[in-house]
Amino acid sequence: MRAPVCAALLVWVLSDAAARQFSEEEMAAVRQRIKSMFYHAYNSYLDNAFPYDELRPLTCDGQDTWGSFSLTLIDALDTLLVLGNRTEFQRVASLLQDTVDFDIDVNASVFETNIRVVGGLLSAHLLAKRAGMELEPGWPCSGPLLRMAEDAARKLLPAFETPTGMPYGTVNLLRGVSPTETPVTCTAGVGTFILEFATLSRLTGDPTFENVARRALTALWKTRSDIGLVGNHIDIVSKKWVAQDAGIGAGVDSYFEYLVKGAVMLQDEELLSMFQAYDRAIQNYTRFDDWYLWVQMHKGTVSMPIFQSLEAFWPGLQSLLGNLDSAVRTFQNYYSVWRQFGGLPEFYSIPQGYTVDKREGYPLRPELIESAMYLFRATGDHTYLQLGLDALESIEKITKTPCGYASVKDLRDHQLDNRMESFFLAETIKYLYLLFDPAHFLHGGGTEGDGSWEEGGESGECVLGAGGFIFNTEAHPLDPAALYCCGRHDQDRQELQDILLTLSQPGSQSKPPPKQTEGQPGSQSESIALKPGEKKTPPLLSCPVQPFSARLSILGQVFTDNT
């Protein structure tokens, strides 16, 4: 089904890219170029747009788009530390505490506020020690950025108060859900909360956030079709599918992403089982010649033979599961589209080999660069560095303005649009930089990662920063080890004390530790992927002074049952 022009172009791309190996000096030089790109955009935002949400790079002013949060500053905060700027991180973290107020009469996207604001604040909170900030006793279980994240998330909770547990798409931060709010929302808007909300619950000790996220996942899981697919938009009250196109792109993408990353971060085999069931259906019904099309969710018949730019995250996700052969081939297809236009159009017709009418734009999205980072980390193949360099030069040549970087309105003639979304600094720049910095601490390896563990928790008895960071869908890194710091080591200590007391009693016999459901201490979550009556295997008693290790993965790449 691939257009011949793309196939010919692909052969040229790969033969050209594979020939080059990057030295350490060359990679360092590219990192400097990426830093310059970041500061050109970041300083332009501060000079021309703050405290608005976004920079308008053609008119050198600002606008509010997602809720009047100074959103670009929140989204860019952890990128400052990724680039090594601890001083500016500290300044901005303090500035946000003084200027951002979530008690405002604004209608906000539940999905976007979660991934950008809650996720950005949680990430900054967990990186605060590495940034040299003064910490409260008991960090990471307390701190001003954590309280801000919790405050923002609480403003979203009224959206989940529905008969099904699936959230509305929009909520007023001051008044809750409007009586006239539509019950129709996209699949990703239902299933993209478990990373941020579970992190909040584990850090604060309040299970409410994780519980509502899991309830939404449970409800969504039960709506899948007989052939195992989910559609694009659902009525969250009636559970009826309004848009029945099934695929991996816009409106669905981060739902699948969070099942995989949630499985790794929470060591949750249920979430992994759910994704694997979906993946079997996706491979059976939507995959054609290493492209993924859109099909009717009940029949599996092709409804839209198109590629969407948001689908470019998929090769990176596949690499996390160890499906490298498939990931590489799909990535090559997507990259051939980039080389055709100097960016990824929002929609691309696979049979015609060209853009789709009114979907020719490129708003500086990060997904292809994100996949390149994961695939380079998994394979060490310098082809992906060449692709990253090509992407950097395309963005510089096509989108740079005196006041930042502008979205591309039309990739056919490279007309620009007067908008720079916050994800350009949160994701595109960050993934590009990390692609060229394999020794970065966020990768959990190399000289910078060695010996950089941190103590934390109420008694300073848990280890943070030992690697294995999980990126939310806005590229905000979360440290899974932090989830075991707050209350978990107290729970384990109490378990151990109870066992020792039992063994010390006259006539007592050795018994295994009592079985508990893995997850938030004290919570009992219903199984949503295993067979009825089947229970999850309880975790072994863990020692809180050990660094976090992922039972479901090897080096963050391959899932396994016997690590």
Protein backbone atom coordinates (compact mmCIF):
# COMPACT_ATOMS: atom_id res chain seq x y z
CA MET A 1 0.00 0.00 0.00
CA ARG A 2 3.02 2.28 0.39
CA ALA A 3 3.48 4.82 -2.37
CA PRO A 4 6.47 3.96 -4.61
CA VAL A 5 7.97 7.42 -4.14
CA CYS A 6 8.19 6.81 -0.39
CA ALA A 7 9.76 3.38 -0.87
CA ALA A 8 12.45 4.78 -3.16
CA LEU A 9 13.08 7.69 -0.83
CA LEU A 10 13.37 5.32 2.13
CA VAL A 11 16.16 3.29 0.53
CA TRP A 12 18.11 6.49 -0.10
CA VAL A 13 17.53 7.78 3.41
CA LEU A 14 18.75 4.65 5.11
CA SER A 15 21.81 4.14 2.91
CA ASP A 16 22.77 7.77 3.46
CA ALA A 17 22.09 7.87 7.21
CA ALA A 18 23.64 4.53 8.12
CA ALA A 19 27.04 5.58 6.74
CA ARG A 20 27.79 8.09 9.48
CA GLN A 21 29.07 7.50 13.02
CA PHE A 22 28.98 10.40 15.47
CA SER A 23 31.95 11.04 17.74
CA GLU A 24 31.57 12.29 21.31
CA GLU A 25 32.75 15.71 20.19
CA GLU A 26 30.16 15.86 17.42
CA MET A 27 27.38 14.84 19.79
CA ALA A 28 28.49 17.51 22.26
CA ALA A 29 28.42 20.10 19.49
CA VAL A 30 24.87 19.10 18.55
CA ARG A 31 23.82 19.38 22.19
CA GLN A 32 25.11 22.96 22.22
CA ARG A 33 23.02 23.73 19.14
CA ILE A 34 19.95 22.28 20.86
CA LYS A 35 20.63 24.38 23.96
CA SER A 36 20.85 27.50 21.80
CA MET A 37 17.54 26.55 20.19
CA PHE A 38 15.93 26.15 23.62
CA TYR A 39 17.15 29.48 24.97
CA HIS A 40 16.12 31.36 21.84
CA ALA A 41 12.55 30.13 22.35
CA TYR A 42 12.59 30.27 26.16
CA ASN A 43 14.00 33.78 26.44
CA SER A 44 11.56 34.98 23.77
CA TYR A 45 8.70 33.61 25.86
CA LEU A 46 9.97 35.34 29.01
CA ASP A 47 10.57 38.64 27.21
CA ASN A 48 7.39 38.75 25.14
CA ALA A 49 4.73 36.37 26.48
CA PHE A 50 5.04 35.69 30.23
CA PRO A 51 2.70 35.34 32.18
CA TYR A 52 0.49 34.13 29.31
CA ASP A 53 0.33 30.44 28.49
CA GLU A 54 2.09 30.59 25.13
CA LEU A 55 4.33 32.70 22.93
CA ARG A 56 3.04 33.99 19.60
CA PRO A 57 6.32 33.99 17.65
CA LEU A 58 5.21 35.99 14.61
CA THR A 59 3.79 38.95 16.53
CA CYS A 60 6.15 38.68 19.54
CA ASP A 61 3.40 38.61 22.17
CA GLY A 62 1.52 36.04 24.25
CA GLN A 63 -1.84 34.36 24.58
CA ASP A 64 -3.69 32.13 27.04
CA THR A 65 -4.72 28.82 25.51
CA TRP A 66 -5.17 26.04 28.07
CA GLY A 67 -6.13 27.84 31.28
CA SER A 68 -3.99 30.89 32.13
CA PHE A 69 -1.34 28.95 34.08
CA SER A 70 1.83 30.46 32.54
CA LEU A 71 1.79 27.06 30.92
CA THR A 72 5.01 27.31 28.92
CA LEU A 73 6.94 28.07 32.11
CA ILE A 74 5.50 25.02 33.90
CA ASP A 75 6.10 22.80 30.87
CA ALA A 76 9.68 24.02 30.39
CA LEU A 77 10.73 23.79 34.05
CA ASP A 78 12.15 20.27 34.04
CA THR A 79 13.75 20.88 30.63
CA LEU A 80 15.89 23.55 32.32
CA LEU A 81 17.35 20.90 34.61
CA VAL A 82 17.74 18.41 31.76
CA LEU A 83 19.94 21.04 30.08
CA GLY A 84 21.86 21.55 33.34
CA ASN A 85 20.55 25.00 34.33
CA ARG A 86 19.98 24.59 38.08
CA THR A 87 19.95 28.34 38.80
CA GLU A 88 17.08 29.10 36.42
CA PHE A 89 15.21 26.00 37.60
CA GLN A 90 15.35 27.30 41.17
CA ARG A 91 14.25 30.78 40.13
CA VAL A 92 11.31 29.57 38.06
CA ALA A 93 10.19 27.04 40.69
CA SER A 94 10.00 29.86 43.24
CA LEU A 95 8.33 32.20 40.75
CA LEU A 96 5.59 29.68 39.96
CA GLN A 97 4.82 29.23 43.66
CA ASP A 98 4.28 32.98 43.96
CA THR A 99 2.34 33.62 40.74
CA VAL A 100 0.27 30.58 39.71
CA ASP A 101 -3.24 30.26 41.13
CA PHE A 102 -5.57 27.40 40.21
CA ASP A 103 -8.58 28.88 42.00
CA ILE A 104 -9.76 30.71 38.88
CA ASP A 105 -12.95 30.88 36.85
CA VAL A 106 -11.54 29.16 33.76
CA ASN A 107 -12.76 26.21 31.70
CA ALA A 108 -9.77 23.90 31.36
CA SER A 109 -9.12 20.69 29.47
CA VAL A 110 -8.93 17.86 32.01
CA PHE A 111 -6.50 15.92 29.81
CA GLU A 112 -4.17 18.81 28.96
CA THR A 113 -4.12 20.19 32.51
CA ASN A 114 -3.16 16.77 33.81
CA ILE A 115 -0.33 15.98 31.41
CA ARG A 116 1.13 19.50 31.23
CA VAL A 117 0.46 21.09 34.62
CA VAL A 118 0.13 18.20 37.07
CA GLY A 119 2.80 16.21 35.25
CA GLY A 120 5.16 19.17 34.96
CA LEU A 121 4.87 20.10 38.63
CA LEU A 122 5.30 16.49 39.79
CA SER A 123 8.41 16.09 37.67
CA ALA A 124 9.91 19.34 38.93
CA HIS A 125 9.12 18.32 42.51
CA LEU A 126 10.92 14.98 42.08
CA LEU A 127 13.93 16.70 40.47
CA ALA A 128 14.13 19.45 43.09
CA LYS A 129 16.94 17.85 45.09
CA ARG A 130 19.06 17.31 42.01
CA ALA A 131 18.44 20.97 41.16
CA GLY A 132 19.88 22.04 44.51
CA MET A 133 16.66 23.44 45.95
CA GLU A 134 16.10 23.69 49.68
CA LEU A 135 13.88 20.76 50.61
CA GLU A 136 11.28 20.22 53.28
CA PRO A 137 11.88 17.39 55.77
CA GLY A 138 10.52 14.15 54.37
CA TRP A 139 10.94 15.08 50.70
CA PRO A 140 9.75 13.72 48.27
CA CYS A 141 6.67 13.08 50.42
CA SER A 142 6.17 16.81 50.89
CA GLY A 143 7.11 20.07 49.23
CA PRO A 144 5.56 23.19 47.67
CA LEU A 145 5.62 21.89 44.09
CA LEU A 146 3.92 18.69 45.22
CA ARG A 147 1.21 20.75 46.91
CA MET A 148 0.73 22.76 43.73
CA ALA A 149 0.38 19.56 41.71
CA GLU A 150 -2.14 18.22 44.21
CA ASP A 151 -4.10 21.48 44.12
CA ALA A 152 -4.27 21.37 40.32
CA ALA A 153 -5.33 17.72 40.32
CA ARG A 154 -8.08 18.33 42.88
CA LYS A 155 -9.56 20.90 40.54
CA LEU A 156 -9.93 18.09 37.99
CA LEU A 157 -11.64 15.57 40.30
CA PRO A 158 -15.22 16.86 39.71
CA ALA A 159 -14.87 15.73 36.09
CA PHE A 160 -14.66 12.12 37.28
CA GLU A 161 -17.94 12.28 39.19
CA THR A 162 -19.93 10.45 36.51
CA PRO A 163 -22.04 7.27 36.54
CA THR A 164 -19.26 5.39 34.74
CA GLY A 165 -16.22 6.97 36.36
CA MET A 166 -15.00 8.16 32.97
CA PRO A 167 -14.25 11.91 33.12
CA TYR A 168 -15.75 14.82 31.24
CA GLY A 169 -13.36 16.52 28.85
CA THR A 170 -13.58 19.99 30.39
CA VAL A 171 -13.99 21.31 33.91
CA ASN A 172 -14.27 24.82 35.33
CA LEU A 173 -11.50 25.15 37.90
CA LEU A 174 -13.68 27.26 40.19
CA ARG A 175 -17.19 25.89 39.63
CA GLY A 176 -16.71 22.29 38.53
CA VAL A 177 -18.39 20.70 35.52
CA SER A 178 -20.87 22.89 33.67
CA PRO A 179 -24.43 21.49 33.41
CA THR A 180 -24.15 22.01 29.66
CA GLU A 181 -20.85 20.16 29.29
CA THR A 182 -20.89 17.54 26.54
CA PRO A 183 -20.53 13.93 27.73
CA VAL A 184 -18.53 13.05 24.60
CA THR A 185 -14.77 12.85 25.04
CA CYS A 186 -11.89 11.12 23.32
CA THR A 187 -10.44 7.79 24.43
CA ALA A 188 -7.14 9.35 25.47
CA GLY A 189 -9.10 11.85 27.57
CA VAL A 190 -10.38 8.90 29.62
CA GLY A 191 -7.29 6.72 29.83
CA THR A 192 -4.37 9.13 30.34
CA PHE A 193 -4.25 9.73 34.09
CA ILE A 194 -2.72 6.72 35.80
CA LEU A 195 0.90 7.96 35.75
CA GLU A 196 0.27 11.37 37.30
CA PHE A 197 -2.61 10.39 39.57
CA ALA A 198 -0.90 7.25 40.93
CA THR A 199 2.25 9.28 41.59
CA LEU A 200 0.18 11.85 43.47
CA SER A 201 -1.55 9.19 45.55
CA ARG A 202 1.69 7.41 46.45
CA LEU A 203 3.45 10.65 47.41
CA THR A 204 0.60 12.25 49.36
CA GLY A 205 -0.95 9.13 50.87
CA ASP A 206 -4.37 10.06 49.45
CA PRO A 207 -5.65 7.13 47.33
CA THR A 208 -8.39 9.24 45.72
CA PHE A 209 -6.37 10.18 42.64
CA GLU A 210 -5.19 6.67 41.79
CA ASN A 211 -8.64 5.26 42.51
CA VAL A 212 -10.42 7.57 40.05
CA ALA A 213 -7.79 6.92 37.37
CA ARG A 214 -8.18 3.16 37.80
CA ARG A 215 -11.97 3.38 37.80
CA ALA A 216 -11.84 5.23 34.49
CA LEU A 217 -9.51 2.60 33.05
CA THR A 218 -11.82 -0.17 34.23
CA ALA A 219 -14.83 1.43 32.58
CA LEU A 220 -12.99 2.05 29.32
CA TRP A 221 -11.61 -1.49 29.21
CA LYS A 222 -15.13 -2.90 29.43
CA THR A 223 -16.30 -0.93 26.38
CA ARG A 224 -13.93 -2.55 23.86
CA SER A 225 -15.50 -4.24 20.87
CA ASP A 226 -15.88 -7.97 20.30
CA ILE A 227 -12.71 -7.92 18.19
CA GLY A 228 -10.78 -6.13 20.95
CA LEU A 229 -10.63 -2.55 19.66
CA VAL A 230 -11.69 0.82 21.07
CA GLY A 231 -13.00 3.77 19.10
CA ASN A 232 -12.02 7.41 19.08
CA HIS A 233 -14.77 9.24 21.04
CA ILE A 234 -17.14 7.87 23.65
CA ASP A 235 -20.17 9.15 25.57
CA ILE A 236 -18.89 8.86 29.13
CA VAL A 237 -22.41 8.69 30.58
CA SER A 238 -24.06 6.14 28.29
CA LYS A 239 -20.81 4.31 27.35
CA LYS A 240 -21.82 4.44 23.69
CA TRP A 241 -19.12 4.97 21.09
CA VAL A 242 -19.74 8.17 19.13
CA ALA A 243 -16.71 7.89 16.82
CA GLN A 244 -15.97 4.25 15.99
CA ASP A 245 -12.66 4.65 14.16
CA ALA A 246 -9.98 2.51 15.82
CA GLY A 247 -6.28 3.29 15.48
CA ILE A 248 -3.19 4.38 17.38
CA GLY A 249 -3.24 8.11 16.60
CA ALA A 250 -5.06 11.24 17.67
CA GLY A 251 -7.69 10.73 20.33
CA VAL A 252 -6.39 7.29 21.33
CA ASP A 253 -2.57 7.40 21.40
CA SER A 254 -1.69 8.15 25.02
CA TYR A 255 -4.22 5.62 26.35
CA PHE A 256 -2.05 2.82 24.98
CA GLU A 257 1.10 4.66 26.07
CA TYR A 258 -0.11 4.84 29.67
CA LEU A 259 -1.00 1.16 29.84
CA VAL A 260 2.61 0.28 29.01
CA LYS A 261 4.30 2.96 31.08
CA GLY A 262 1.86 2.44 33.95
CA ALA A 263 2.78 -1.25 33.93
CA VAL A 264 6.46 -0.39 34.28
CA MET A 265 6.10 2.40 36.83
CA LEU A 266 3.57 0.65 39.05
CA GLN A 267 4.85 -2.90 38.39
CA ASP A 268 1.27 -3.68 37.43
CA GLU A 269 0.76 -6.82 35.37
CA GLU A 270 -2.92 -6.01 34.85
CA LEU A 271 -2.08 -2.91 32.83
CA LEU A 272 0.45 -4.88 30.79
CA SER A 273 -2.11 -7.60 30.16
CA MET A 274 -4.61 -5.01 28.95
CA PHE A 275 -2.13 -3.51 26.50
CA GLN A 276 -1.10 -6.89 25.16
CA ALA A 277 -4.73 -7.71 24.44
CA TYR A 278 -5.14 -4.41 22.58
CA ASP A 279 -1.86 -4.91 20.73
CA ARG A 280 -2.96 -8.27 19.38
CA ALA A 281 -6.09 -6.64 17.93
CA ILE A 282 -4.09 -3.68 16.60
CA GLN A 283 -1.64 -5.96 14.82
CA ASN A 284 -4.45 -8.12 13.43
CA TYR A 285 -6.74 -5.39 12.14
CA THR A 286 -4.91 -2.06 11.70
CA ARG A 287 -1.37 -2.96 10.59
CA PHE A 288 -0.68 -3.04 6.86
CA ASP A 289 2.86 -3.23 5.48
CA ASP A 290 4.31 -1.68 8.67
CA TRP A 291 1.84 1.21 8.54
CA TYR A 292 -1.09 1.47 10.95
CA LEU A 293 -4.41 2.47 9.41
CA TRP A 294 -7.76 3.39 10.94
CA VAL A 295 -10.47 0.73 10.94
CA GLN A 296 -14.07 0.36 12.07
CA MET A 297 -13.83 -0.84 15.69
CA HIS A 298 -16.51 -3.56 15.37
CA LYS A 299 -15.81 -4.87 11.87
CA GLY A 300 -12.09 -4.21 11.36
CA THR A 301 -12.70 -2.75 7.90
CA VAL A 302 -10.46 0.15 6.83
CA SER A 303 -12.13 3.51 7.39
CA MET A 304 -9.17 5.92 6.93
CA PRO A 305 -5.97 4.79 5.14
CA ILE A 306 -3.95 7.62 6.64
CA PHE A 307 -0.96 8.17 8.89
CA GLN A 308 -1.23 10.85 11.58
CA SER A 309 1.81 12.59 13.02
CA LEU A 310 0.74 11.69 16.57
CA GLU A 311 1.18 8.01 15.67
CA ALA A 312 4.95 8.50 15.50
CA PHE A 313 5.21 7.70 19.23
CA TRP A 314 4.38 4.07 18.45
CA PRO A 315 7.88 2.80 17.46
CA GLY A 316 9.26 4.15 20.74
CA LEU A 317 6.52 2.40 22.70
CA GLN A 318 7.18 -0.83 20.79
CA SER A 319 10.86 -0.58 21.73
CA LEU A 320 9.93 -0.52 25.41
CA LEU A 321 8.23 -3.86 24.85
CA GLY A 322 11.20 -5.31 23.01
CA ASN A 323 9.45 -5.39 19.60
CA LEU A 324 12.44 -3.82 17.88
CA ASP A 325 12.11 -5.29 14.39
CA SER A 326 8.57 -4.00 14.02
CA ALA A 327 9.48 -0.68 15.63
CA VAL A 328 12.41 -0.07 13.27
CA ARG A 329 10.39 -0.79 10.13
CA THR A 330 7.51 1.43 11.18
CA PHE A 331 9.90 4.22 12.16
CA GLN A 332 11.50 4.06 8.72
CA ASN A 333 8.11 4.57 7.09
CA TYR A 334 7.36 7.57 9.27
CA TYR A 335 10.77 9.10 8.72
CA SER A 336 10.34 8.85 4.95
CA VAL A 337 7.38 11.21 5.36
CA TRP A 338 9.53 13.66 7.35
CA ARG A 339 12.15 13.69 4.60
CA GLN A 340 9.45 14.31 2.02
CA PHE A 341 8.24 17.52 3.70
CA GLY A 342 10.81 18.60 6.32
CA GLY A 343 8.31 17.71 9.06
CA LEU A 344 5.39 15.40 9.74
CA PRO A 345 2.04 16.64 8.41
CA GLU A 346 -0.87 16.10 10.76
CA PHE A 347 -2.50 13.70 8.26
CA TYR A 348 -0.77 11.82 5.42
CA SER A 349 -2.57 9.69 2.84
CA ILE A 350 -0.69 6.40 2.53
CA PRO A 351 -2.16 5.32 -0.85
CA GLN A 352 -1.58 8.77 -2.39
CA GLY A 353 1.77 9.42 -0.72
CA TYR A 354 0.83 13.02 0.09
CA THR A 355 -0.79 15.30 2.64
CA VAL A 356 -4.51 15.35 3.36
CA ASP A 357 -6.51 18.50 2.64
CA LYS A 358 -6.63 20.90 5.60
CA ARG A 359 -4.25 18.70 7.60
CA GLU A 360 -0.96 19.86 6.08
CA GLY A 361 0.45 21.57 9.19
CA TYR A 362 3.30 20.64 11.54
CA PRO A 363 2.94 22.24 15.02
CA LEU A 364 6.51 21.29 16.09
CA ARG A 365 5.39 17.93 17.46
CA PRO A 366 7.96 15.69 19.21
CA GLU A 367 6.72 12.16 18.54
CA LEU A 368 9.17 11.08 15.81
CA ILE A 369 12.11 12.46 17.78
CA GLU A 370 10.78 10.70 20.89
CA SER A 371 10.80 7.37 19.04
CA ALA A 372 14.31 8.06 17.74
CA MET A 373 15.50 8.54 21.32
CA TYR A 374 14.00 5.24 22.48
CA LEU A 375 15.28 3.33 19.47
CA PHE A 376 18.78 4.74 19.82
CA ARG A 377 18.77 3.80 23.49
CA ALA A 378 17.63 0.28 22.58
CA THR A 379 19.93 -0.33 19.61
CA GLY A 380 22.85 2.10 19.78
CA ASP A 381 22.41 2.59 16.02
CA HIS A 382 23.78 5.99 14.98
CA THR A 383 21.21 6.12 12.18
CA TYR A 384 18.86 7.66 14.73
CA LEU A 385 21.38 10.38 15.56
CA GLN A 386 21.48 11.34 11.91
CA LEU A 387 17.71 11.48 11.84
CA GLY A 388 17.79 13.69 14.94
CA LEU A 389 20.28 16.03 13.32
CA ASP A 390 18.11 16.23 10.21
CA ALA A 391 15.11 17.10 12.39
CA LEU A 392 17.08 19.81 14.19
CA GLU A 393 18.16 21.40 10.92
CA SER A 394 14.63 21.21 9.47
CA ILE A 395 13.18 22.98 12.50
CA GLU A 396 15.91 25.61 12.44
CA LYS A 397 15.59 26.28 8.73
CA ILE A 398 11.81 26.24 8.40
CA THR A 399 10.35 27.46 11.70
CA LYS A 400 12.83 29.84 13.38
CA THR A 401 11.68 33.45 13.76
CA PRO A 402 13.21 36.46 15.58
CA CYS A 403 10.87 35.70 18.50
CA GLY A 404 11.08 31.91 18.80
CA TYR A 405 9.89 28.98 16.66
CA ALA A 406 6.57 28.95 14.85
CA SER A 407 4.23 26.11 14.00
CA VAL A 408 4.12 25.29 10.30
CA LYS A 409 0.70 26.01 8.83
CA ASP A 410 1.38 24.18 5.56
CA LEU A 411 4.34 21.88 4.94
CA ARG A 412 3.88 22.11 1.17
CA ASP A 413 5.09 25.73 1.07
CA HIS A 414 6.33 26.11 4.69
CA GLN A 415 3.90 28.88 5.62
CA LEU A 416 4.05 29.59 9.35
CA ASP A 417 1.38 29.92 12.01
CA ASN A 418 1.51 32.38 14.92
CA ARG A 419 1.80 29.80 17.68
CA MET A 420 4.51 27.99 19.67
CA GLU A 421 2.86 25.35 21.82
CA SER A 422 4.38 24.65 25.22
CA PHE A 423 5.22 21.08 24.22
CA PHE A 424 7.96 22.42 21.94
CA LEU A 425 10.04 23.22 25.04
CA ALA A 426 8.67 20.38 27.17
CA GLU A 427 9.02 17.57 24.63
CA THR A 428 10.58 18.36 21.27
CA ILE A 429 13.69 20.07 22.65
CA LYS A 430 14.00 17.65 25.57
CA TYR A 431 13.82 14.48 23.49
CA LEU A 432 16.19 15.96 20.92
CA TYR A 433 18.73 16.78 23.64
CA LEU A 434 18.41 13.38 25.32
CA LEU A 435 18.84 11.64 21.97
CA PHE A 436 22.32 13.15 21.77
CA ASP A 437 23.17 12.61 25.45
CA PRO A 438 23.11 8.85 26.11
CA ALA A 439 25.00 9.33 29.41
CA HIS A 440 22.33 11.65 30.84
CA PHE A 441 21.05 10.73 34.30
CA LEU A 442 17.51 10.36 32.95
CA HIS A 443 18.71 7.38 30.93
CA GLY A 444 19.99 5.76 34.12
CA GLY A 445 23.42 5.05 32.72
CA GLY A 446 26.82 6.46 31.89
CA THR A 447 29.18 8.32 34.16
CA GLU A 448 26.62 10.97 35.05
CA GLY A 449 24.16 8.34 36.23
CA ASP A 450 26.69 6.40 38.32
CA GLY A 451 26.85 7.37 41.96
CA SER A 452 24.09 9.94 41.62
CA TRP A 453 21.52 8.25 43.83
CA GLU A 454 19.77 10.36 46.44
CA GLU A 455 18.27 9.63 49.82
CA GLY A 456 14.67 10.52 50.49
CA GLY A 457 11.54 9.69 52.44
CA GLU A 458 10.40 10.47 55.94
CA SER A 459 13.43 8.76 57.48
CA GLY A 460 15.86 9.21 54.60
CA GLU A 461 15.67 5.49 53.94
CA CYS A 462 14.73 5.24 50.27
CA VAL A 463 16.95 5.63 47.25
CA LEU A 464 16.00 7.94 44.39
CA GLY A 465 17.57 8.71 41.03
CA ALA A 466 18.84 5.19 40.43
CA GLY A 467 17.57 5.17 36.85
CA GLY A 468 14.42 3.98 35.16
CA PHE A 469 12.66 7.34 34.83
CA ILE A 470 9.26 7.12 33.13
CA PHE A 471 8.24 9.98 30.81
CA ASN A 472 4.61 11.01 30.87
CA THR A 473 3.03 11.84 27.53
CA GLU A 474 4.25 15.45 27.85
CA ALA A 475 7.84 14.18 28.40
CA HIS A 476 7.86 14.99 32.11
CA PRO A 477 10.13 12.39 33.78
CA LEU A 478 8.80 10.63 36.89
CA ASP A 479 11.02 8.58 39.19
CA PRO A 480 9.30 5.24 40.02
CA ALA A 481 11.44 4.88 43.14
CA ALA A 482 9.64 7.85 44.69
CA LEU A 483 6.41 5.88 44.74
CA TYR A 484 7.97 3.52 47.27
CA CYS A 485 9.27 6.28 49.55
CA CYS A 486 6.16 7.65 51.17
CA GLY A 487 4.50 5.22 53.53
CA ARG A 488 5.79 2.13 51.73
CA HIS A 489 8.87 1.67 53.87
CA ASP A 490 6.76 2.20 57.01
CA GLN A 491 4.36 -0.45 55.75
CA ASP A 492 7.22 -2.86 55.05
CA ARG A 493 8.74 -2.18 58.46
CA GLN A 494 5.42 -2.90 60.13
CA GLU A 495 5.04 -6.11 58.11
CA LEU A 496 8.49 -7.24 59.17
CA GLN A 497 7.81 -6.33 62.80
CA ASP A 498 4.57 -8.31 62.77
CA ILE A 499 6.34 -11.33 61.26
CA LEU A 500 9.11 -11.19 63.87
CA LEU A 501 6.58 -10.86 66.68
CA THR A 502 4.69 -13.85 65.33
CA LEU A 503 7.87 -15.91 65.12
CA SER A 504 8.84 -14.96 68.66
CA GLN A 505 5.60 -16.28 70.11
CA PRO A 506 5.85 -19.71 71.79
CA GLY A 507 4.76 -22.49 69.42
CA SER A 508 4.77 -20.22 66.40
CA GLN A 509 5.75 -21.60 62.99
CA SER A 510 7.36 -19.89 60.08
CA LYS A 511 4.78 -18.42 57.78
CA PRO A 512 5.15 -16.48 54.54
CA PRO A 513 4.37 -12.78 54.66
CA PRO A 514 0.67 -12.02 54.43
CA LYS A 515 -0.52 -11.54 50.87
CA GLN A 516 -1.39 -8.03 49.88
CA THR A 517 -2.55 -6.39 46.70
CA GLU A 518 0.23 -4.49 45.06
CA GLY A 519 -0.38 -0.77 44.85
CA GLN A 520 -1.35 2.07 47.15
CA PRO A 521 -1.08 0.87 50.77
CA GLY A 522 -4.47 -0.11 52.04
CA SER A 523 -6.16 0.00 48.65
CA GLN A 524 -7.99 -2.94 47.11
CA SER A 525 -8.24 -2.46 43.37
CA GLU A 526 -10.53 -4.63 41.29
CA SER A 527 -8.83 -6.73 38.66
CA ILE A 528 -9.50 -5.23 35.25
CA ALA A 529 -7.55 -7.55 32.98
CA LEU A 530 -7.21 -10.92 34.66
CA LYS A 531 -9.90 -13.57 34.56
CA PRO A 532 -12.82 -13.26 37.02
CA GLY A 533 -11.76 -14.44 40.44
CA GLU A 534 -8.07 -14.47 39.51
CA LYS A 535 -5.82 -12.37 41.75
CA LYS A 536 -2.56 -10.62 41.08
CA THR A 537 0.60 -12.19 42.45
CA PRO A 538 1.57 -10.21 45.56
CA PRO A 539 4.98 -8.56 45.59
CA LEU A 540 7.74 -9.95 47.76
CA LEU A 541 8.50 -8.03 50.93
CA SER A 542 10.82 -5.25 49.80
CA CYS A 543 13.62 -3.54 51.64
CA PRO A 544 13.14 0.22 51.44
CA VAL A 545 16.85 1.01 51.49
CA GLN A 546 17.40 -0.78 48.18
CA PRO A 547 17.19 1.14 44.90
CA PHE A 548 14.05 0.64 42.85
CA SER A 549 14.26 -2.15 40.28
CA ALA A 550 11.67 -2.94 37.63
CA ARG A 551 10.43 -6.51 37.88
CA LEU A 552 8.65 -6.16 34.54
CA SER A 553 11.59 -4.97 32.49
CA ILE A 554 15.27 -5.45 31.74
CA LEU A 555 17.21 -2.20 31.34
CA GLY A 556 13.93 -0.46 30.67
CA GLN A 557 13.50 -2.29 27.38
CA VAL A 558 11.97 -5.77 27.56
CA PHE A 559 9.16 -7.09 29.71
CA THR A 560 9.70 -10.47 31.34
CA ASP A 561 8.34 -12.60 34.16
CA ASN A 562 11.73 -13.75 35.42
CA THR A 563 14.00 -10.73 35.56
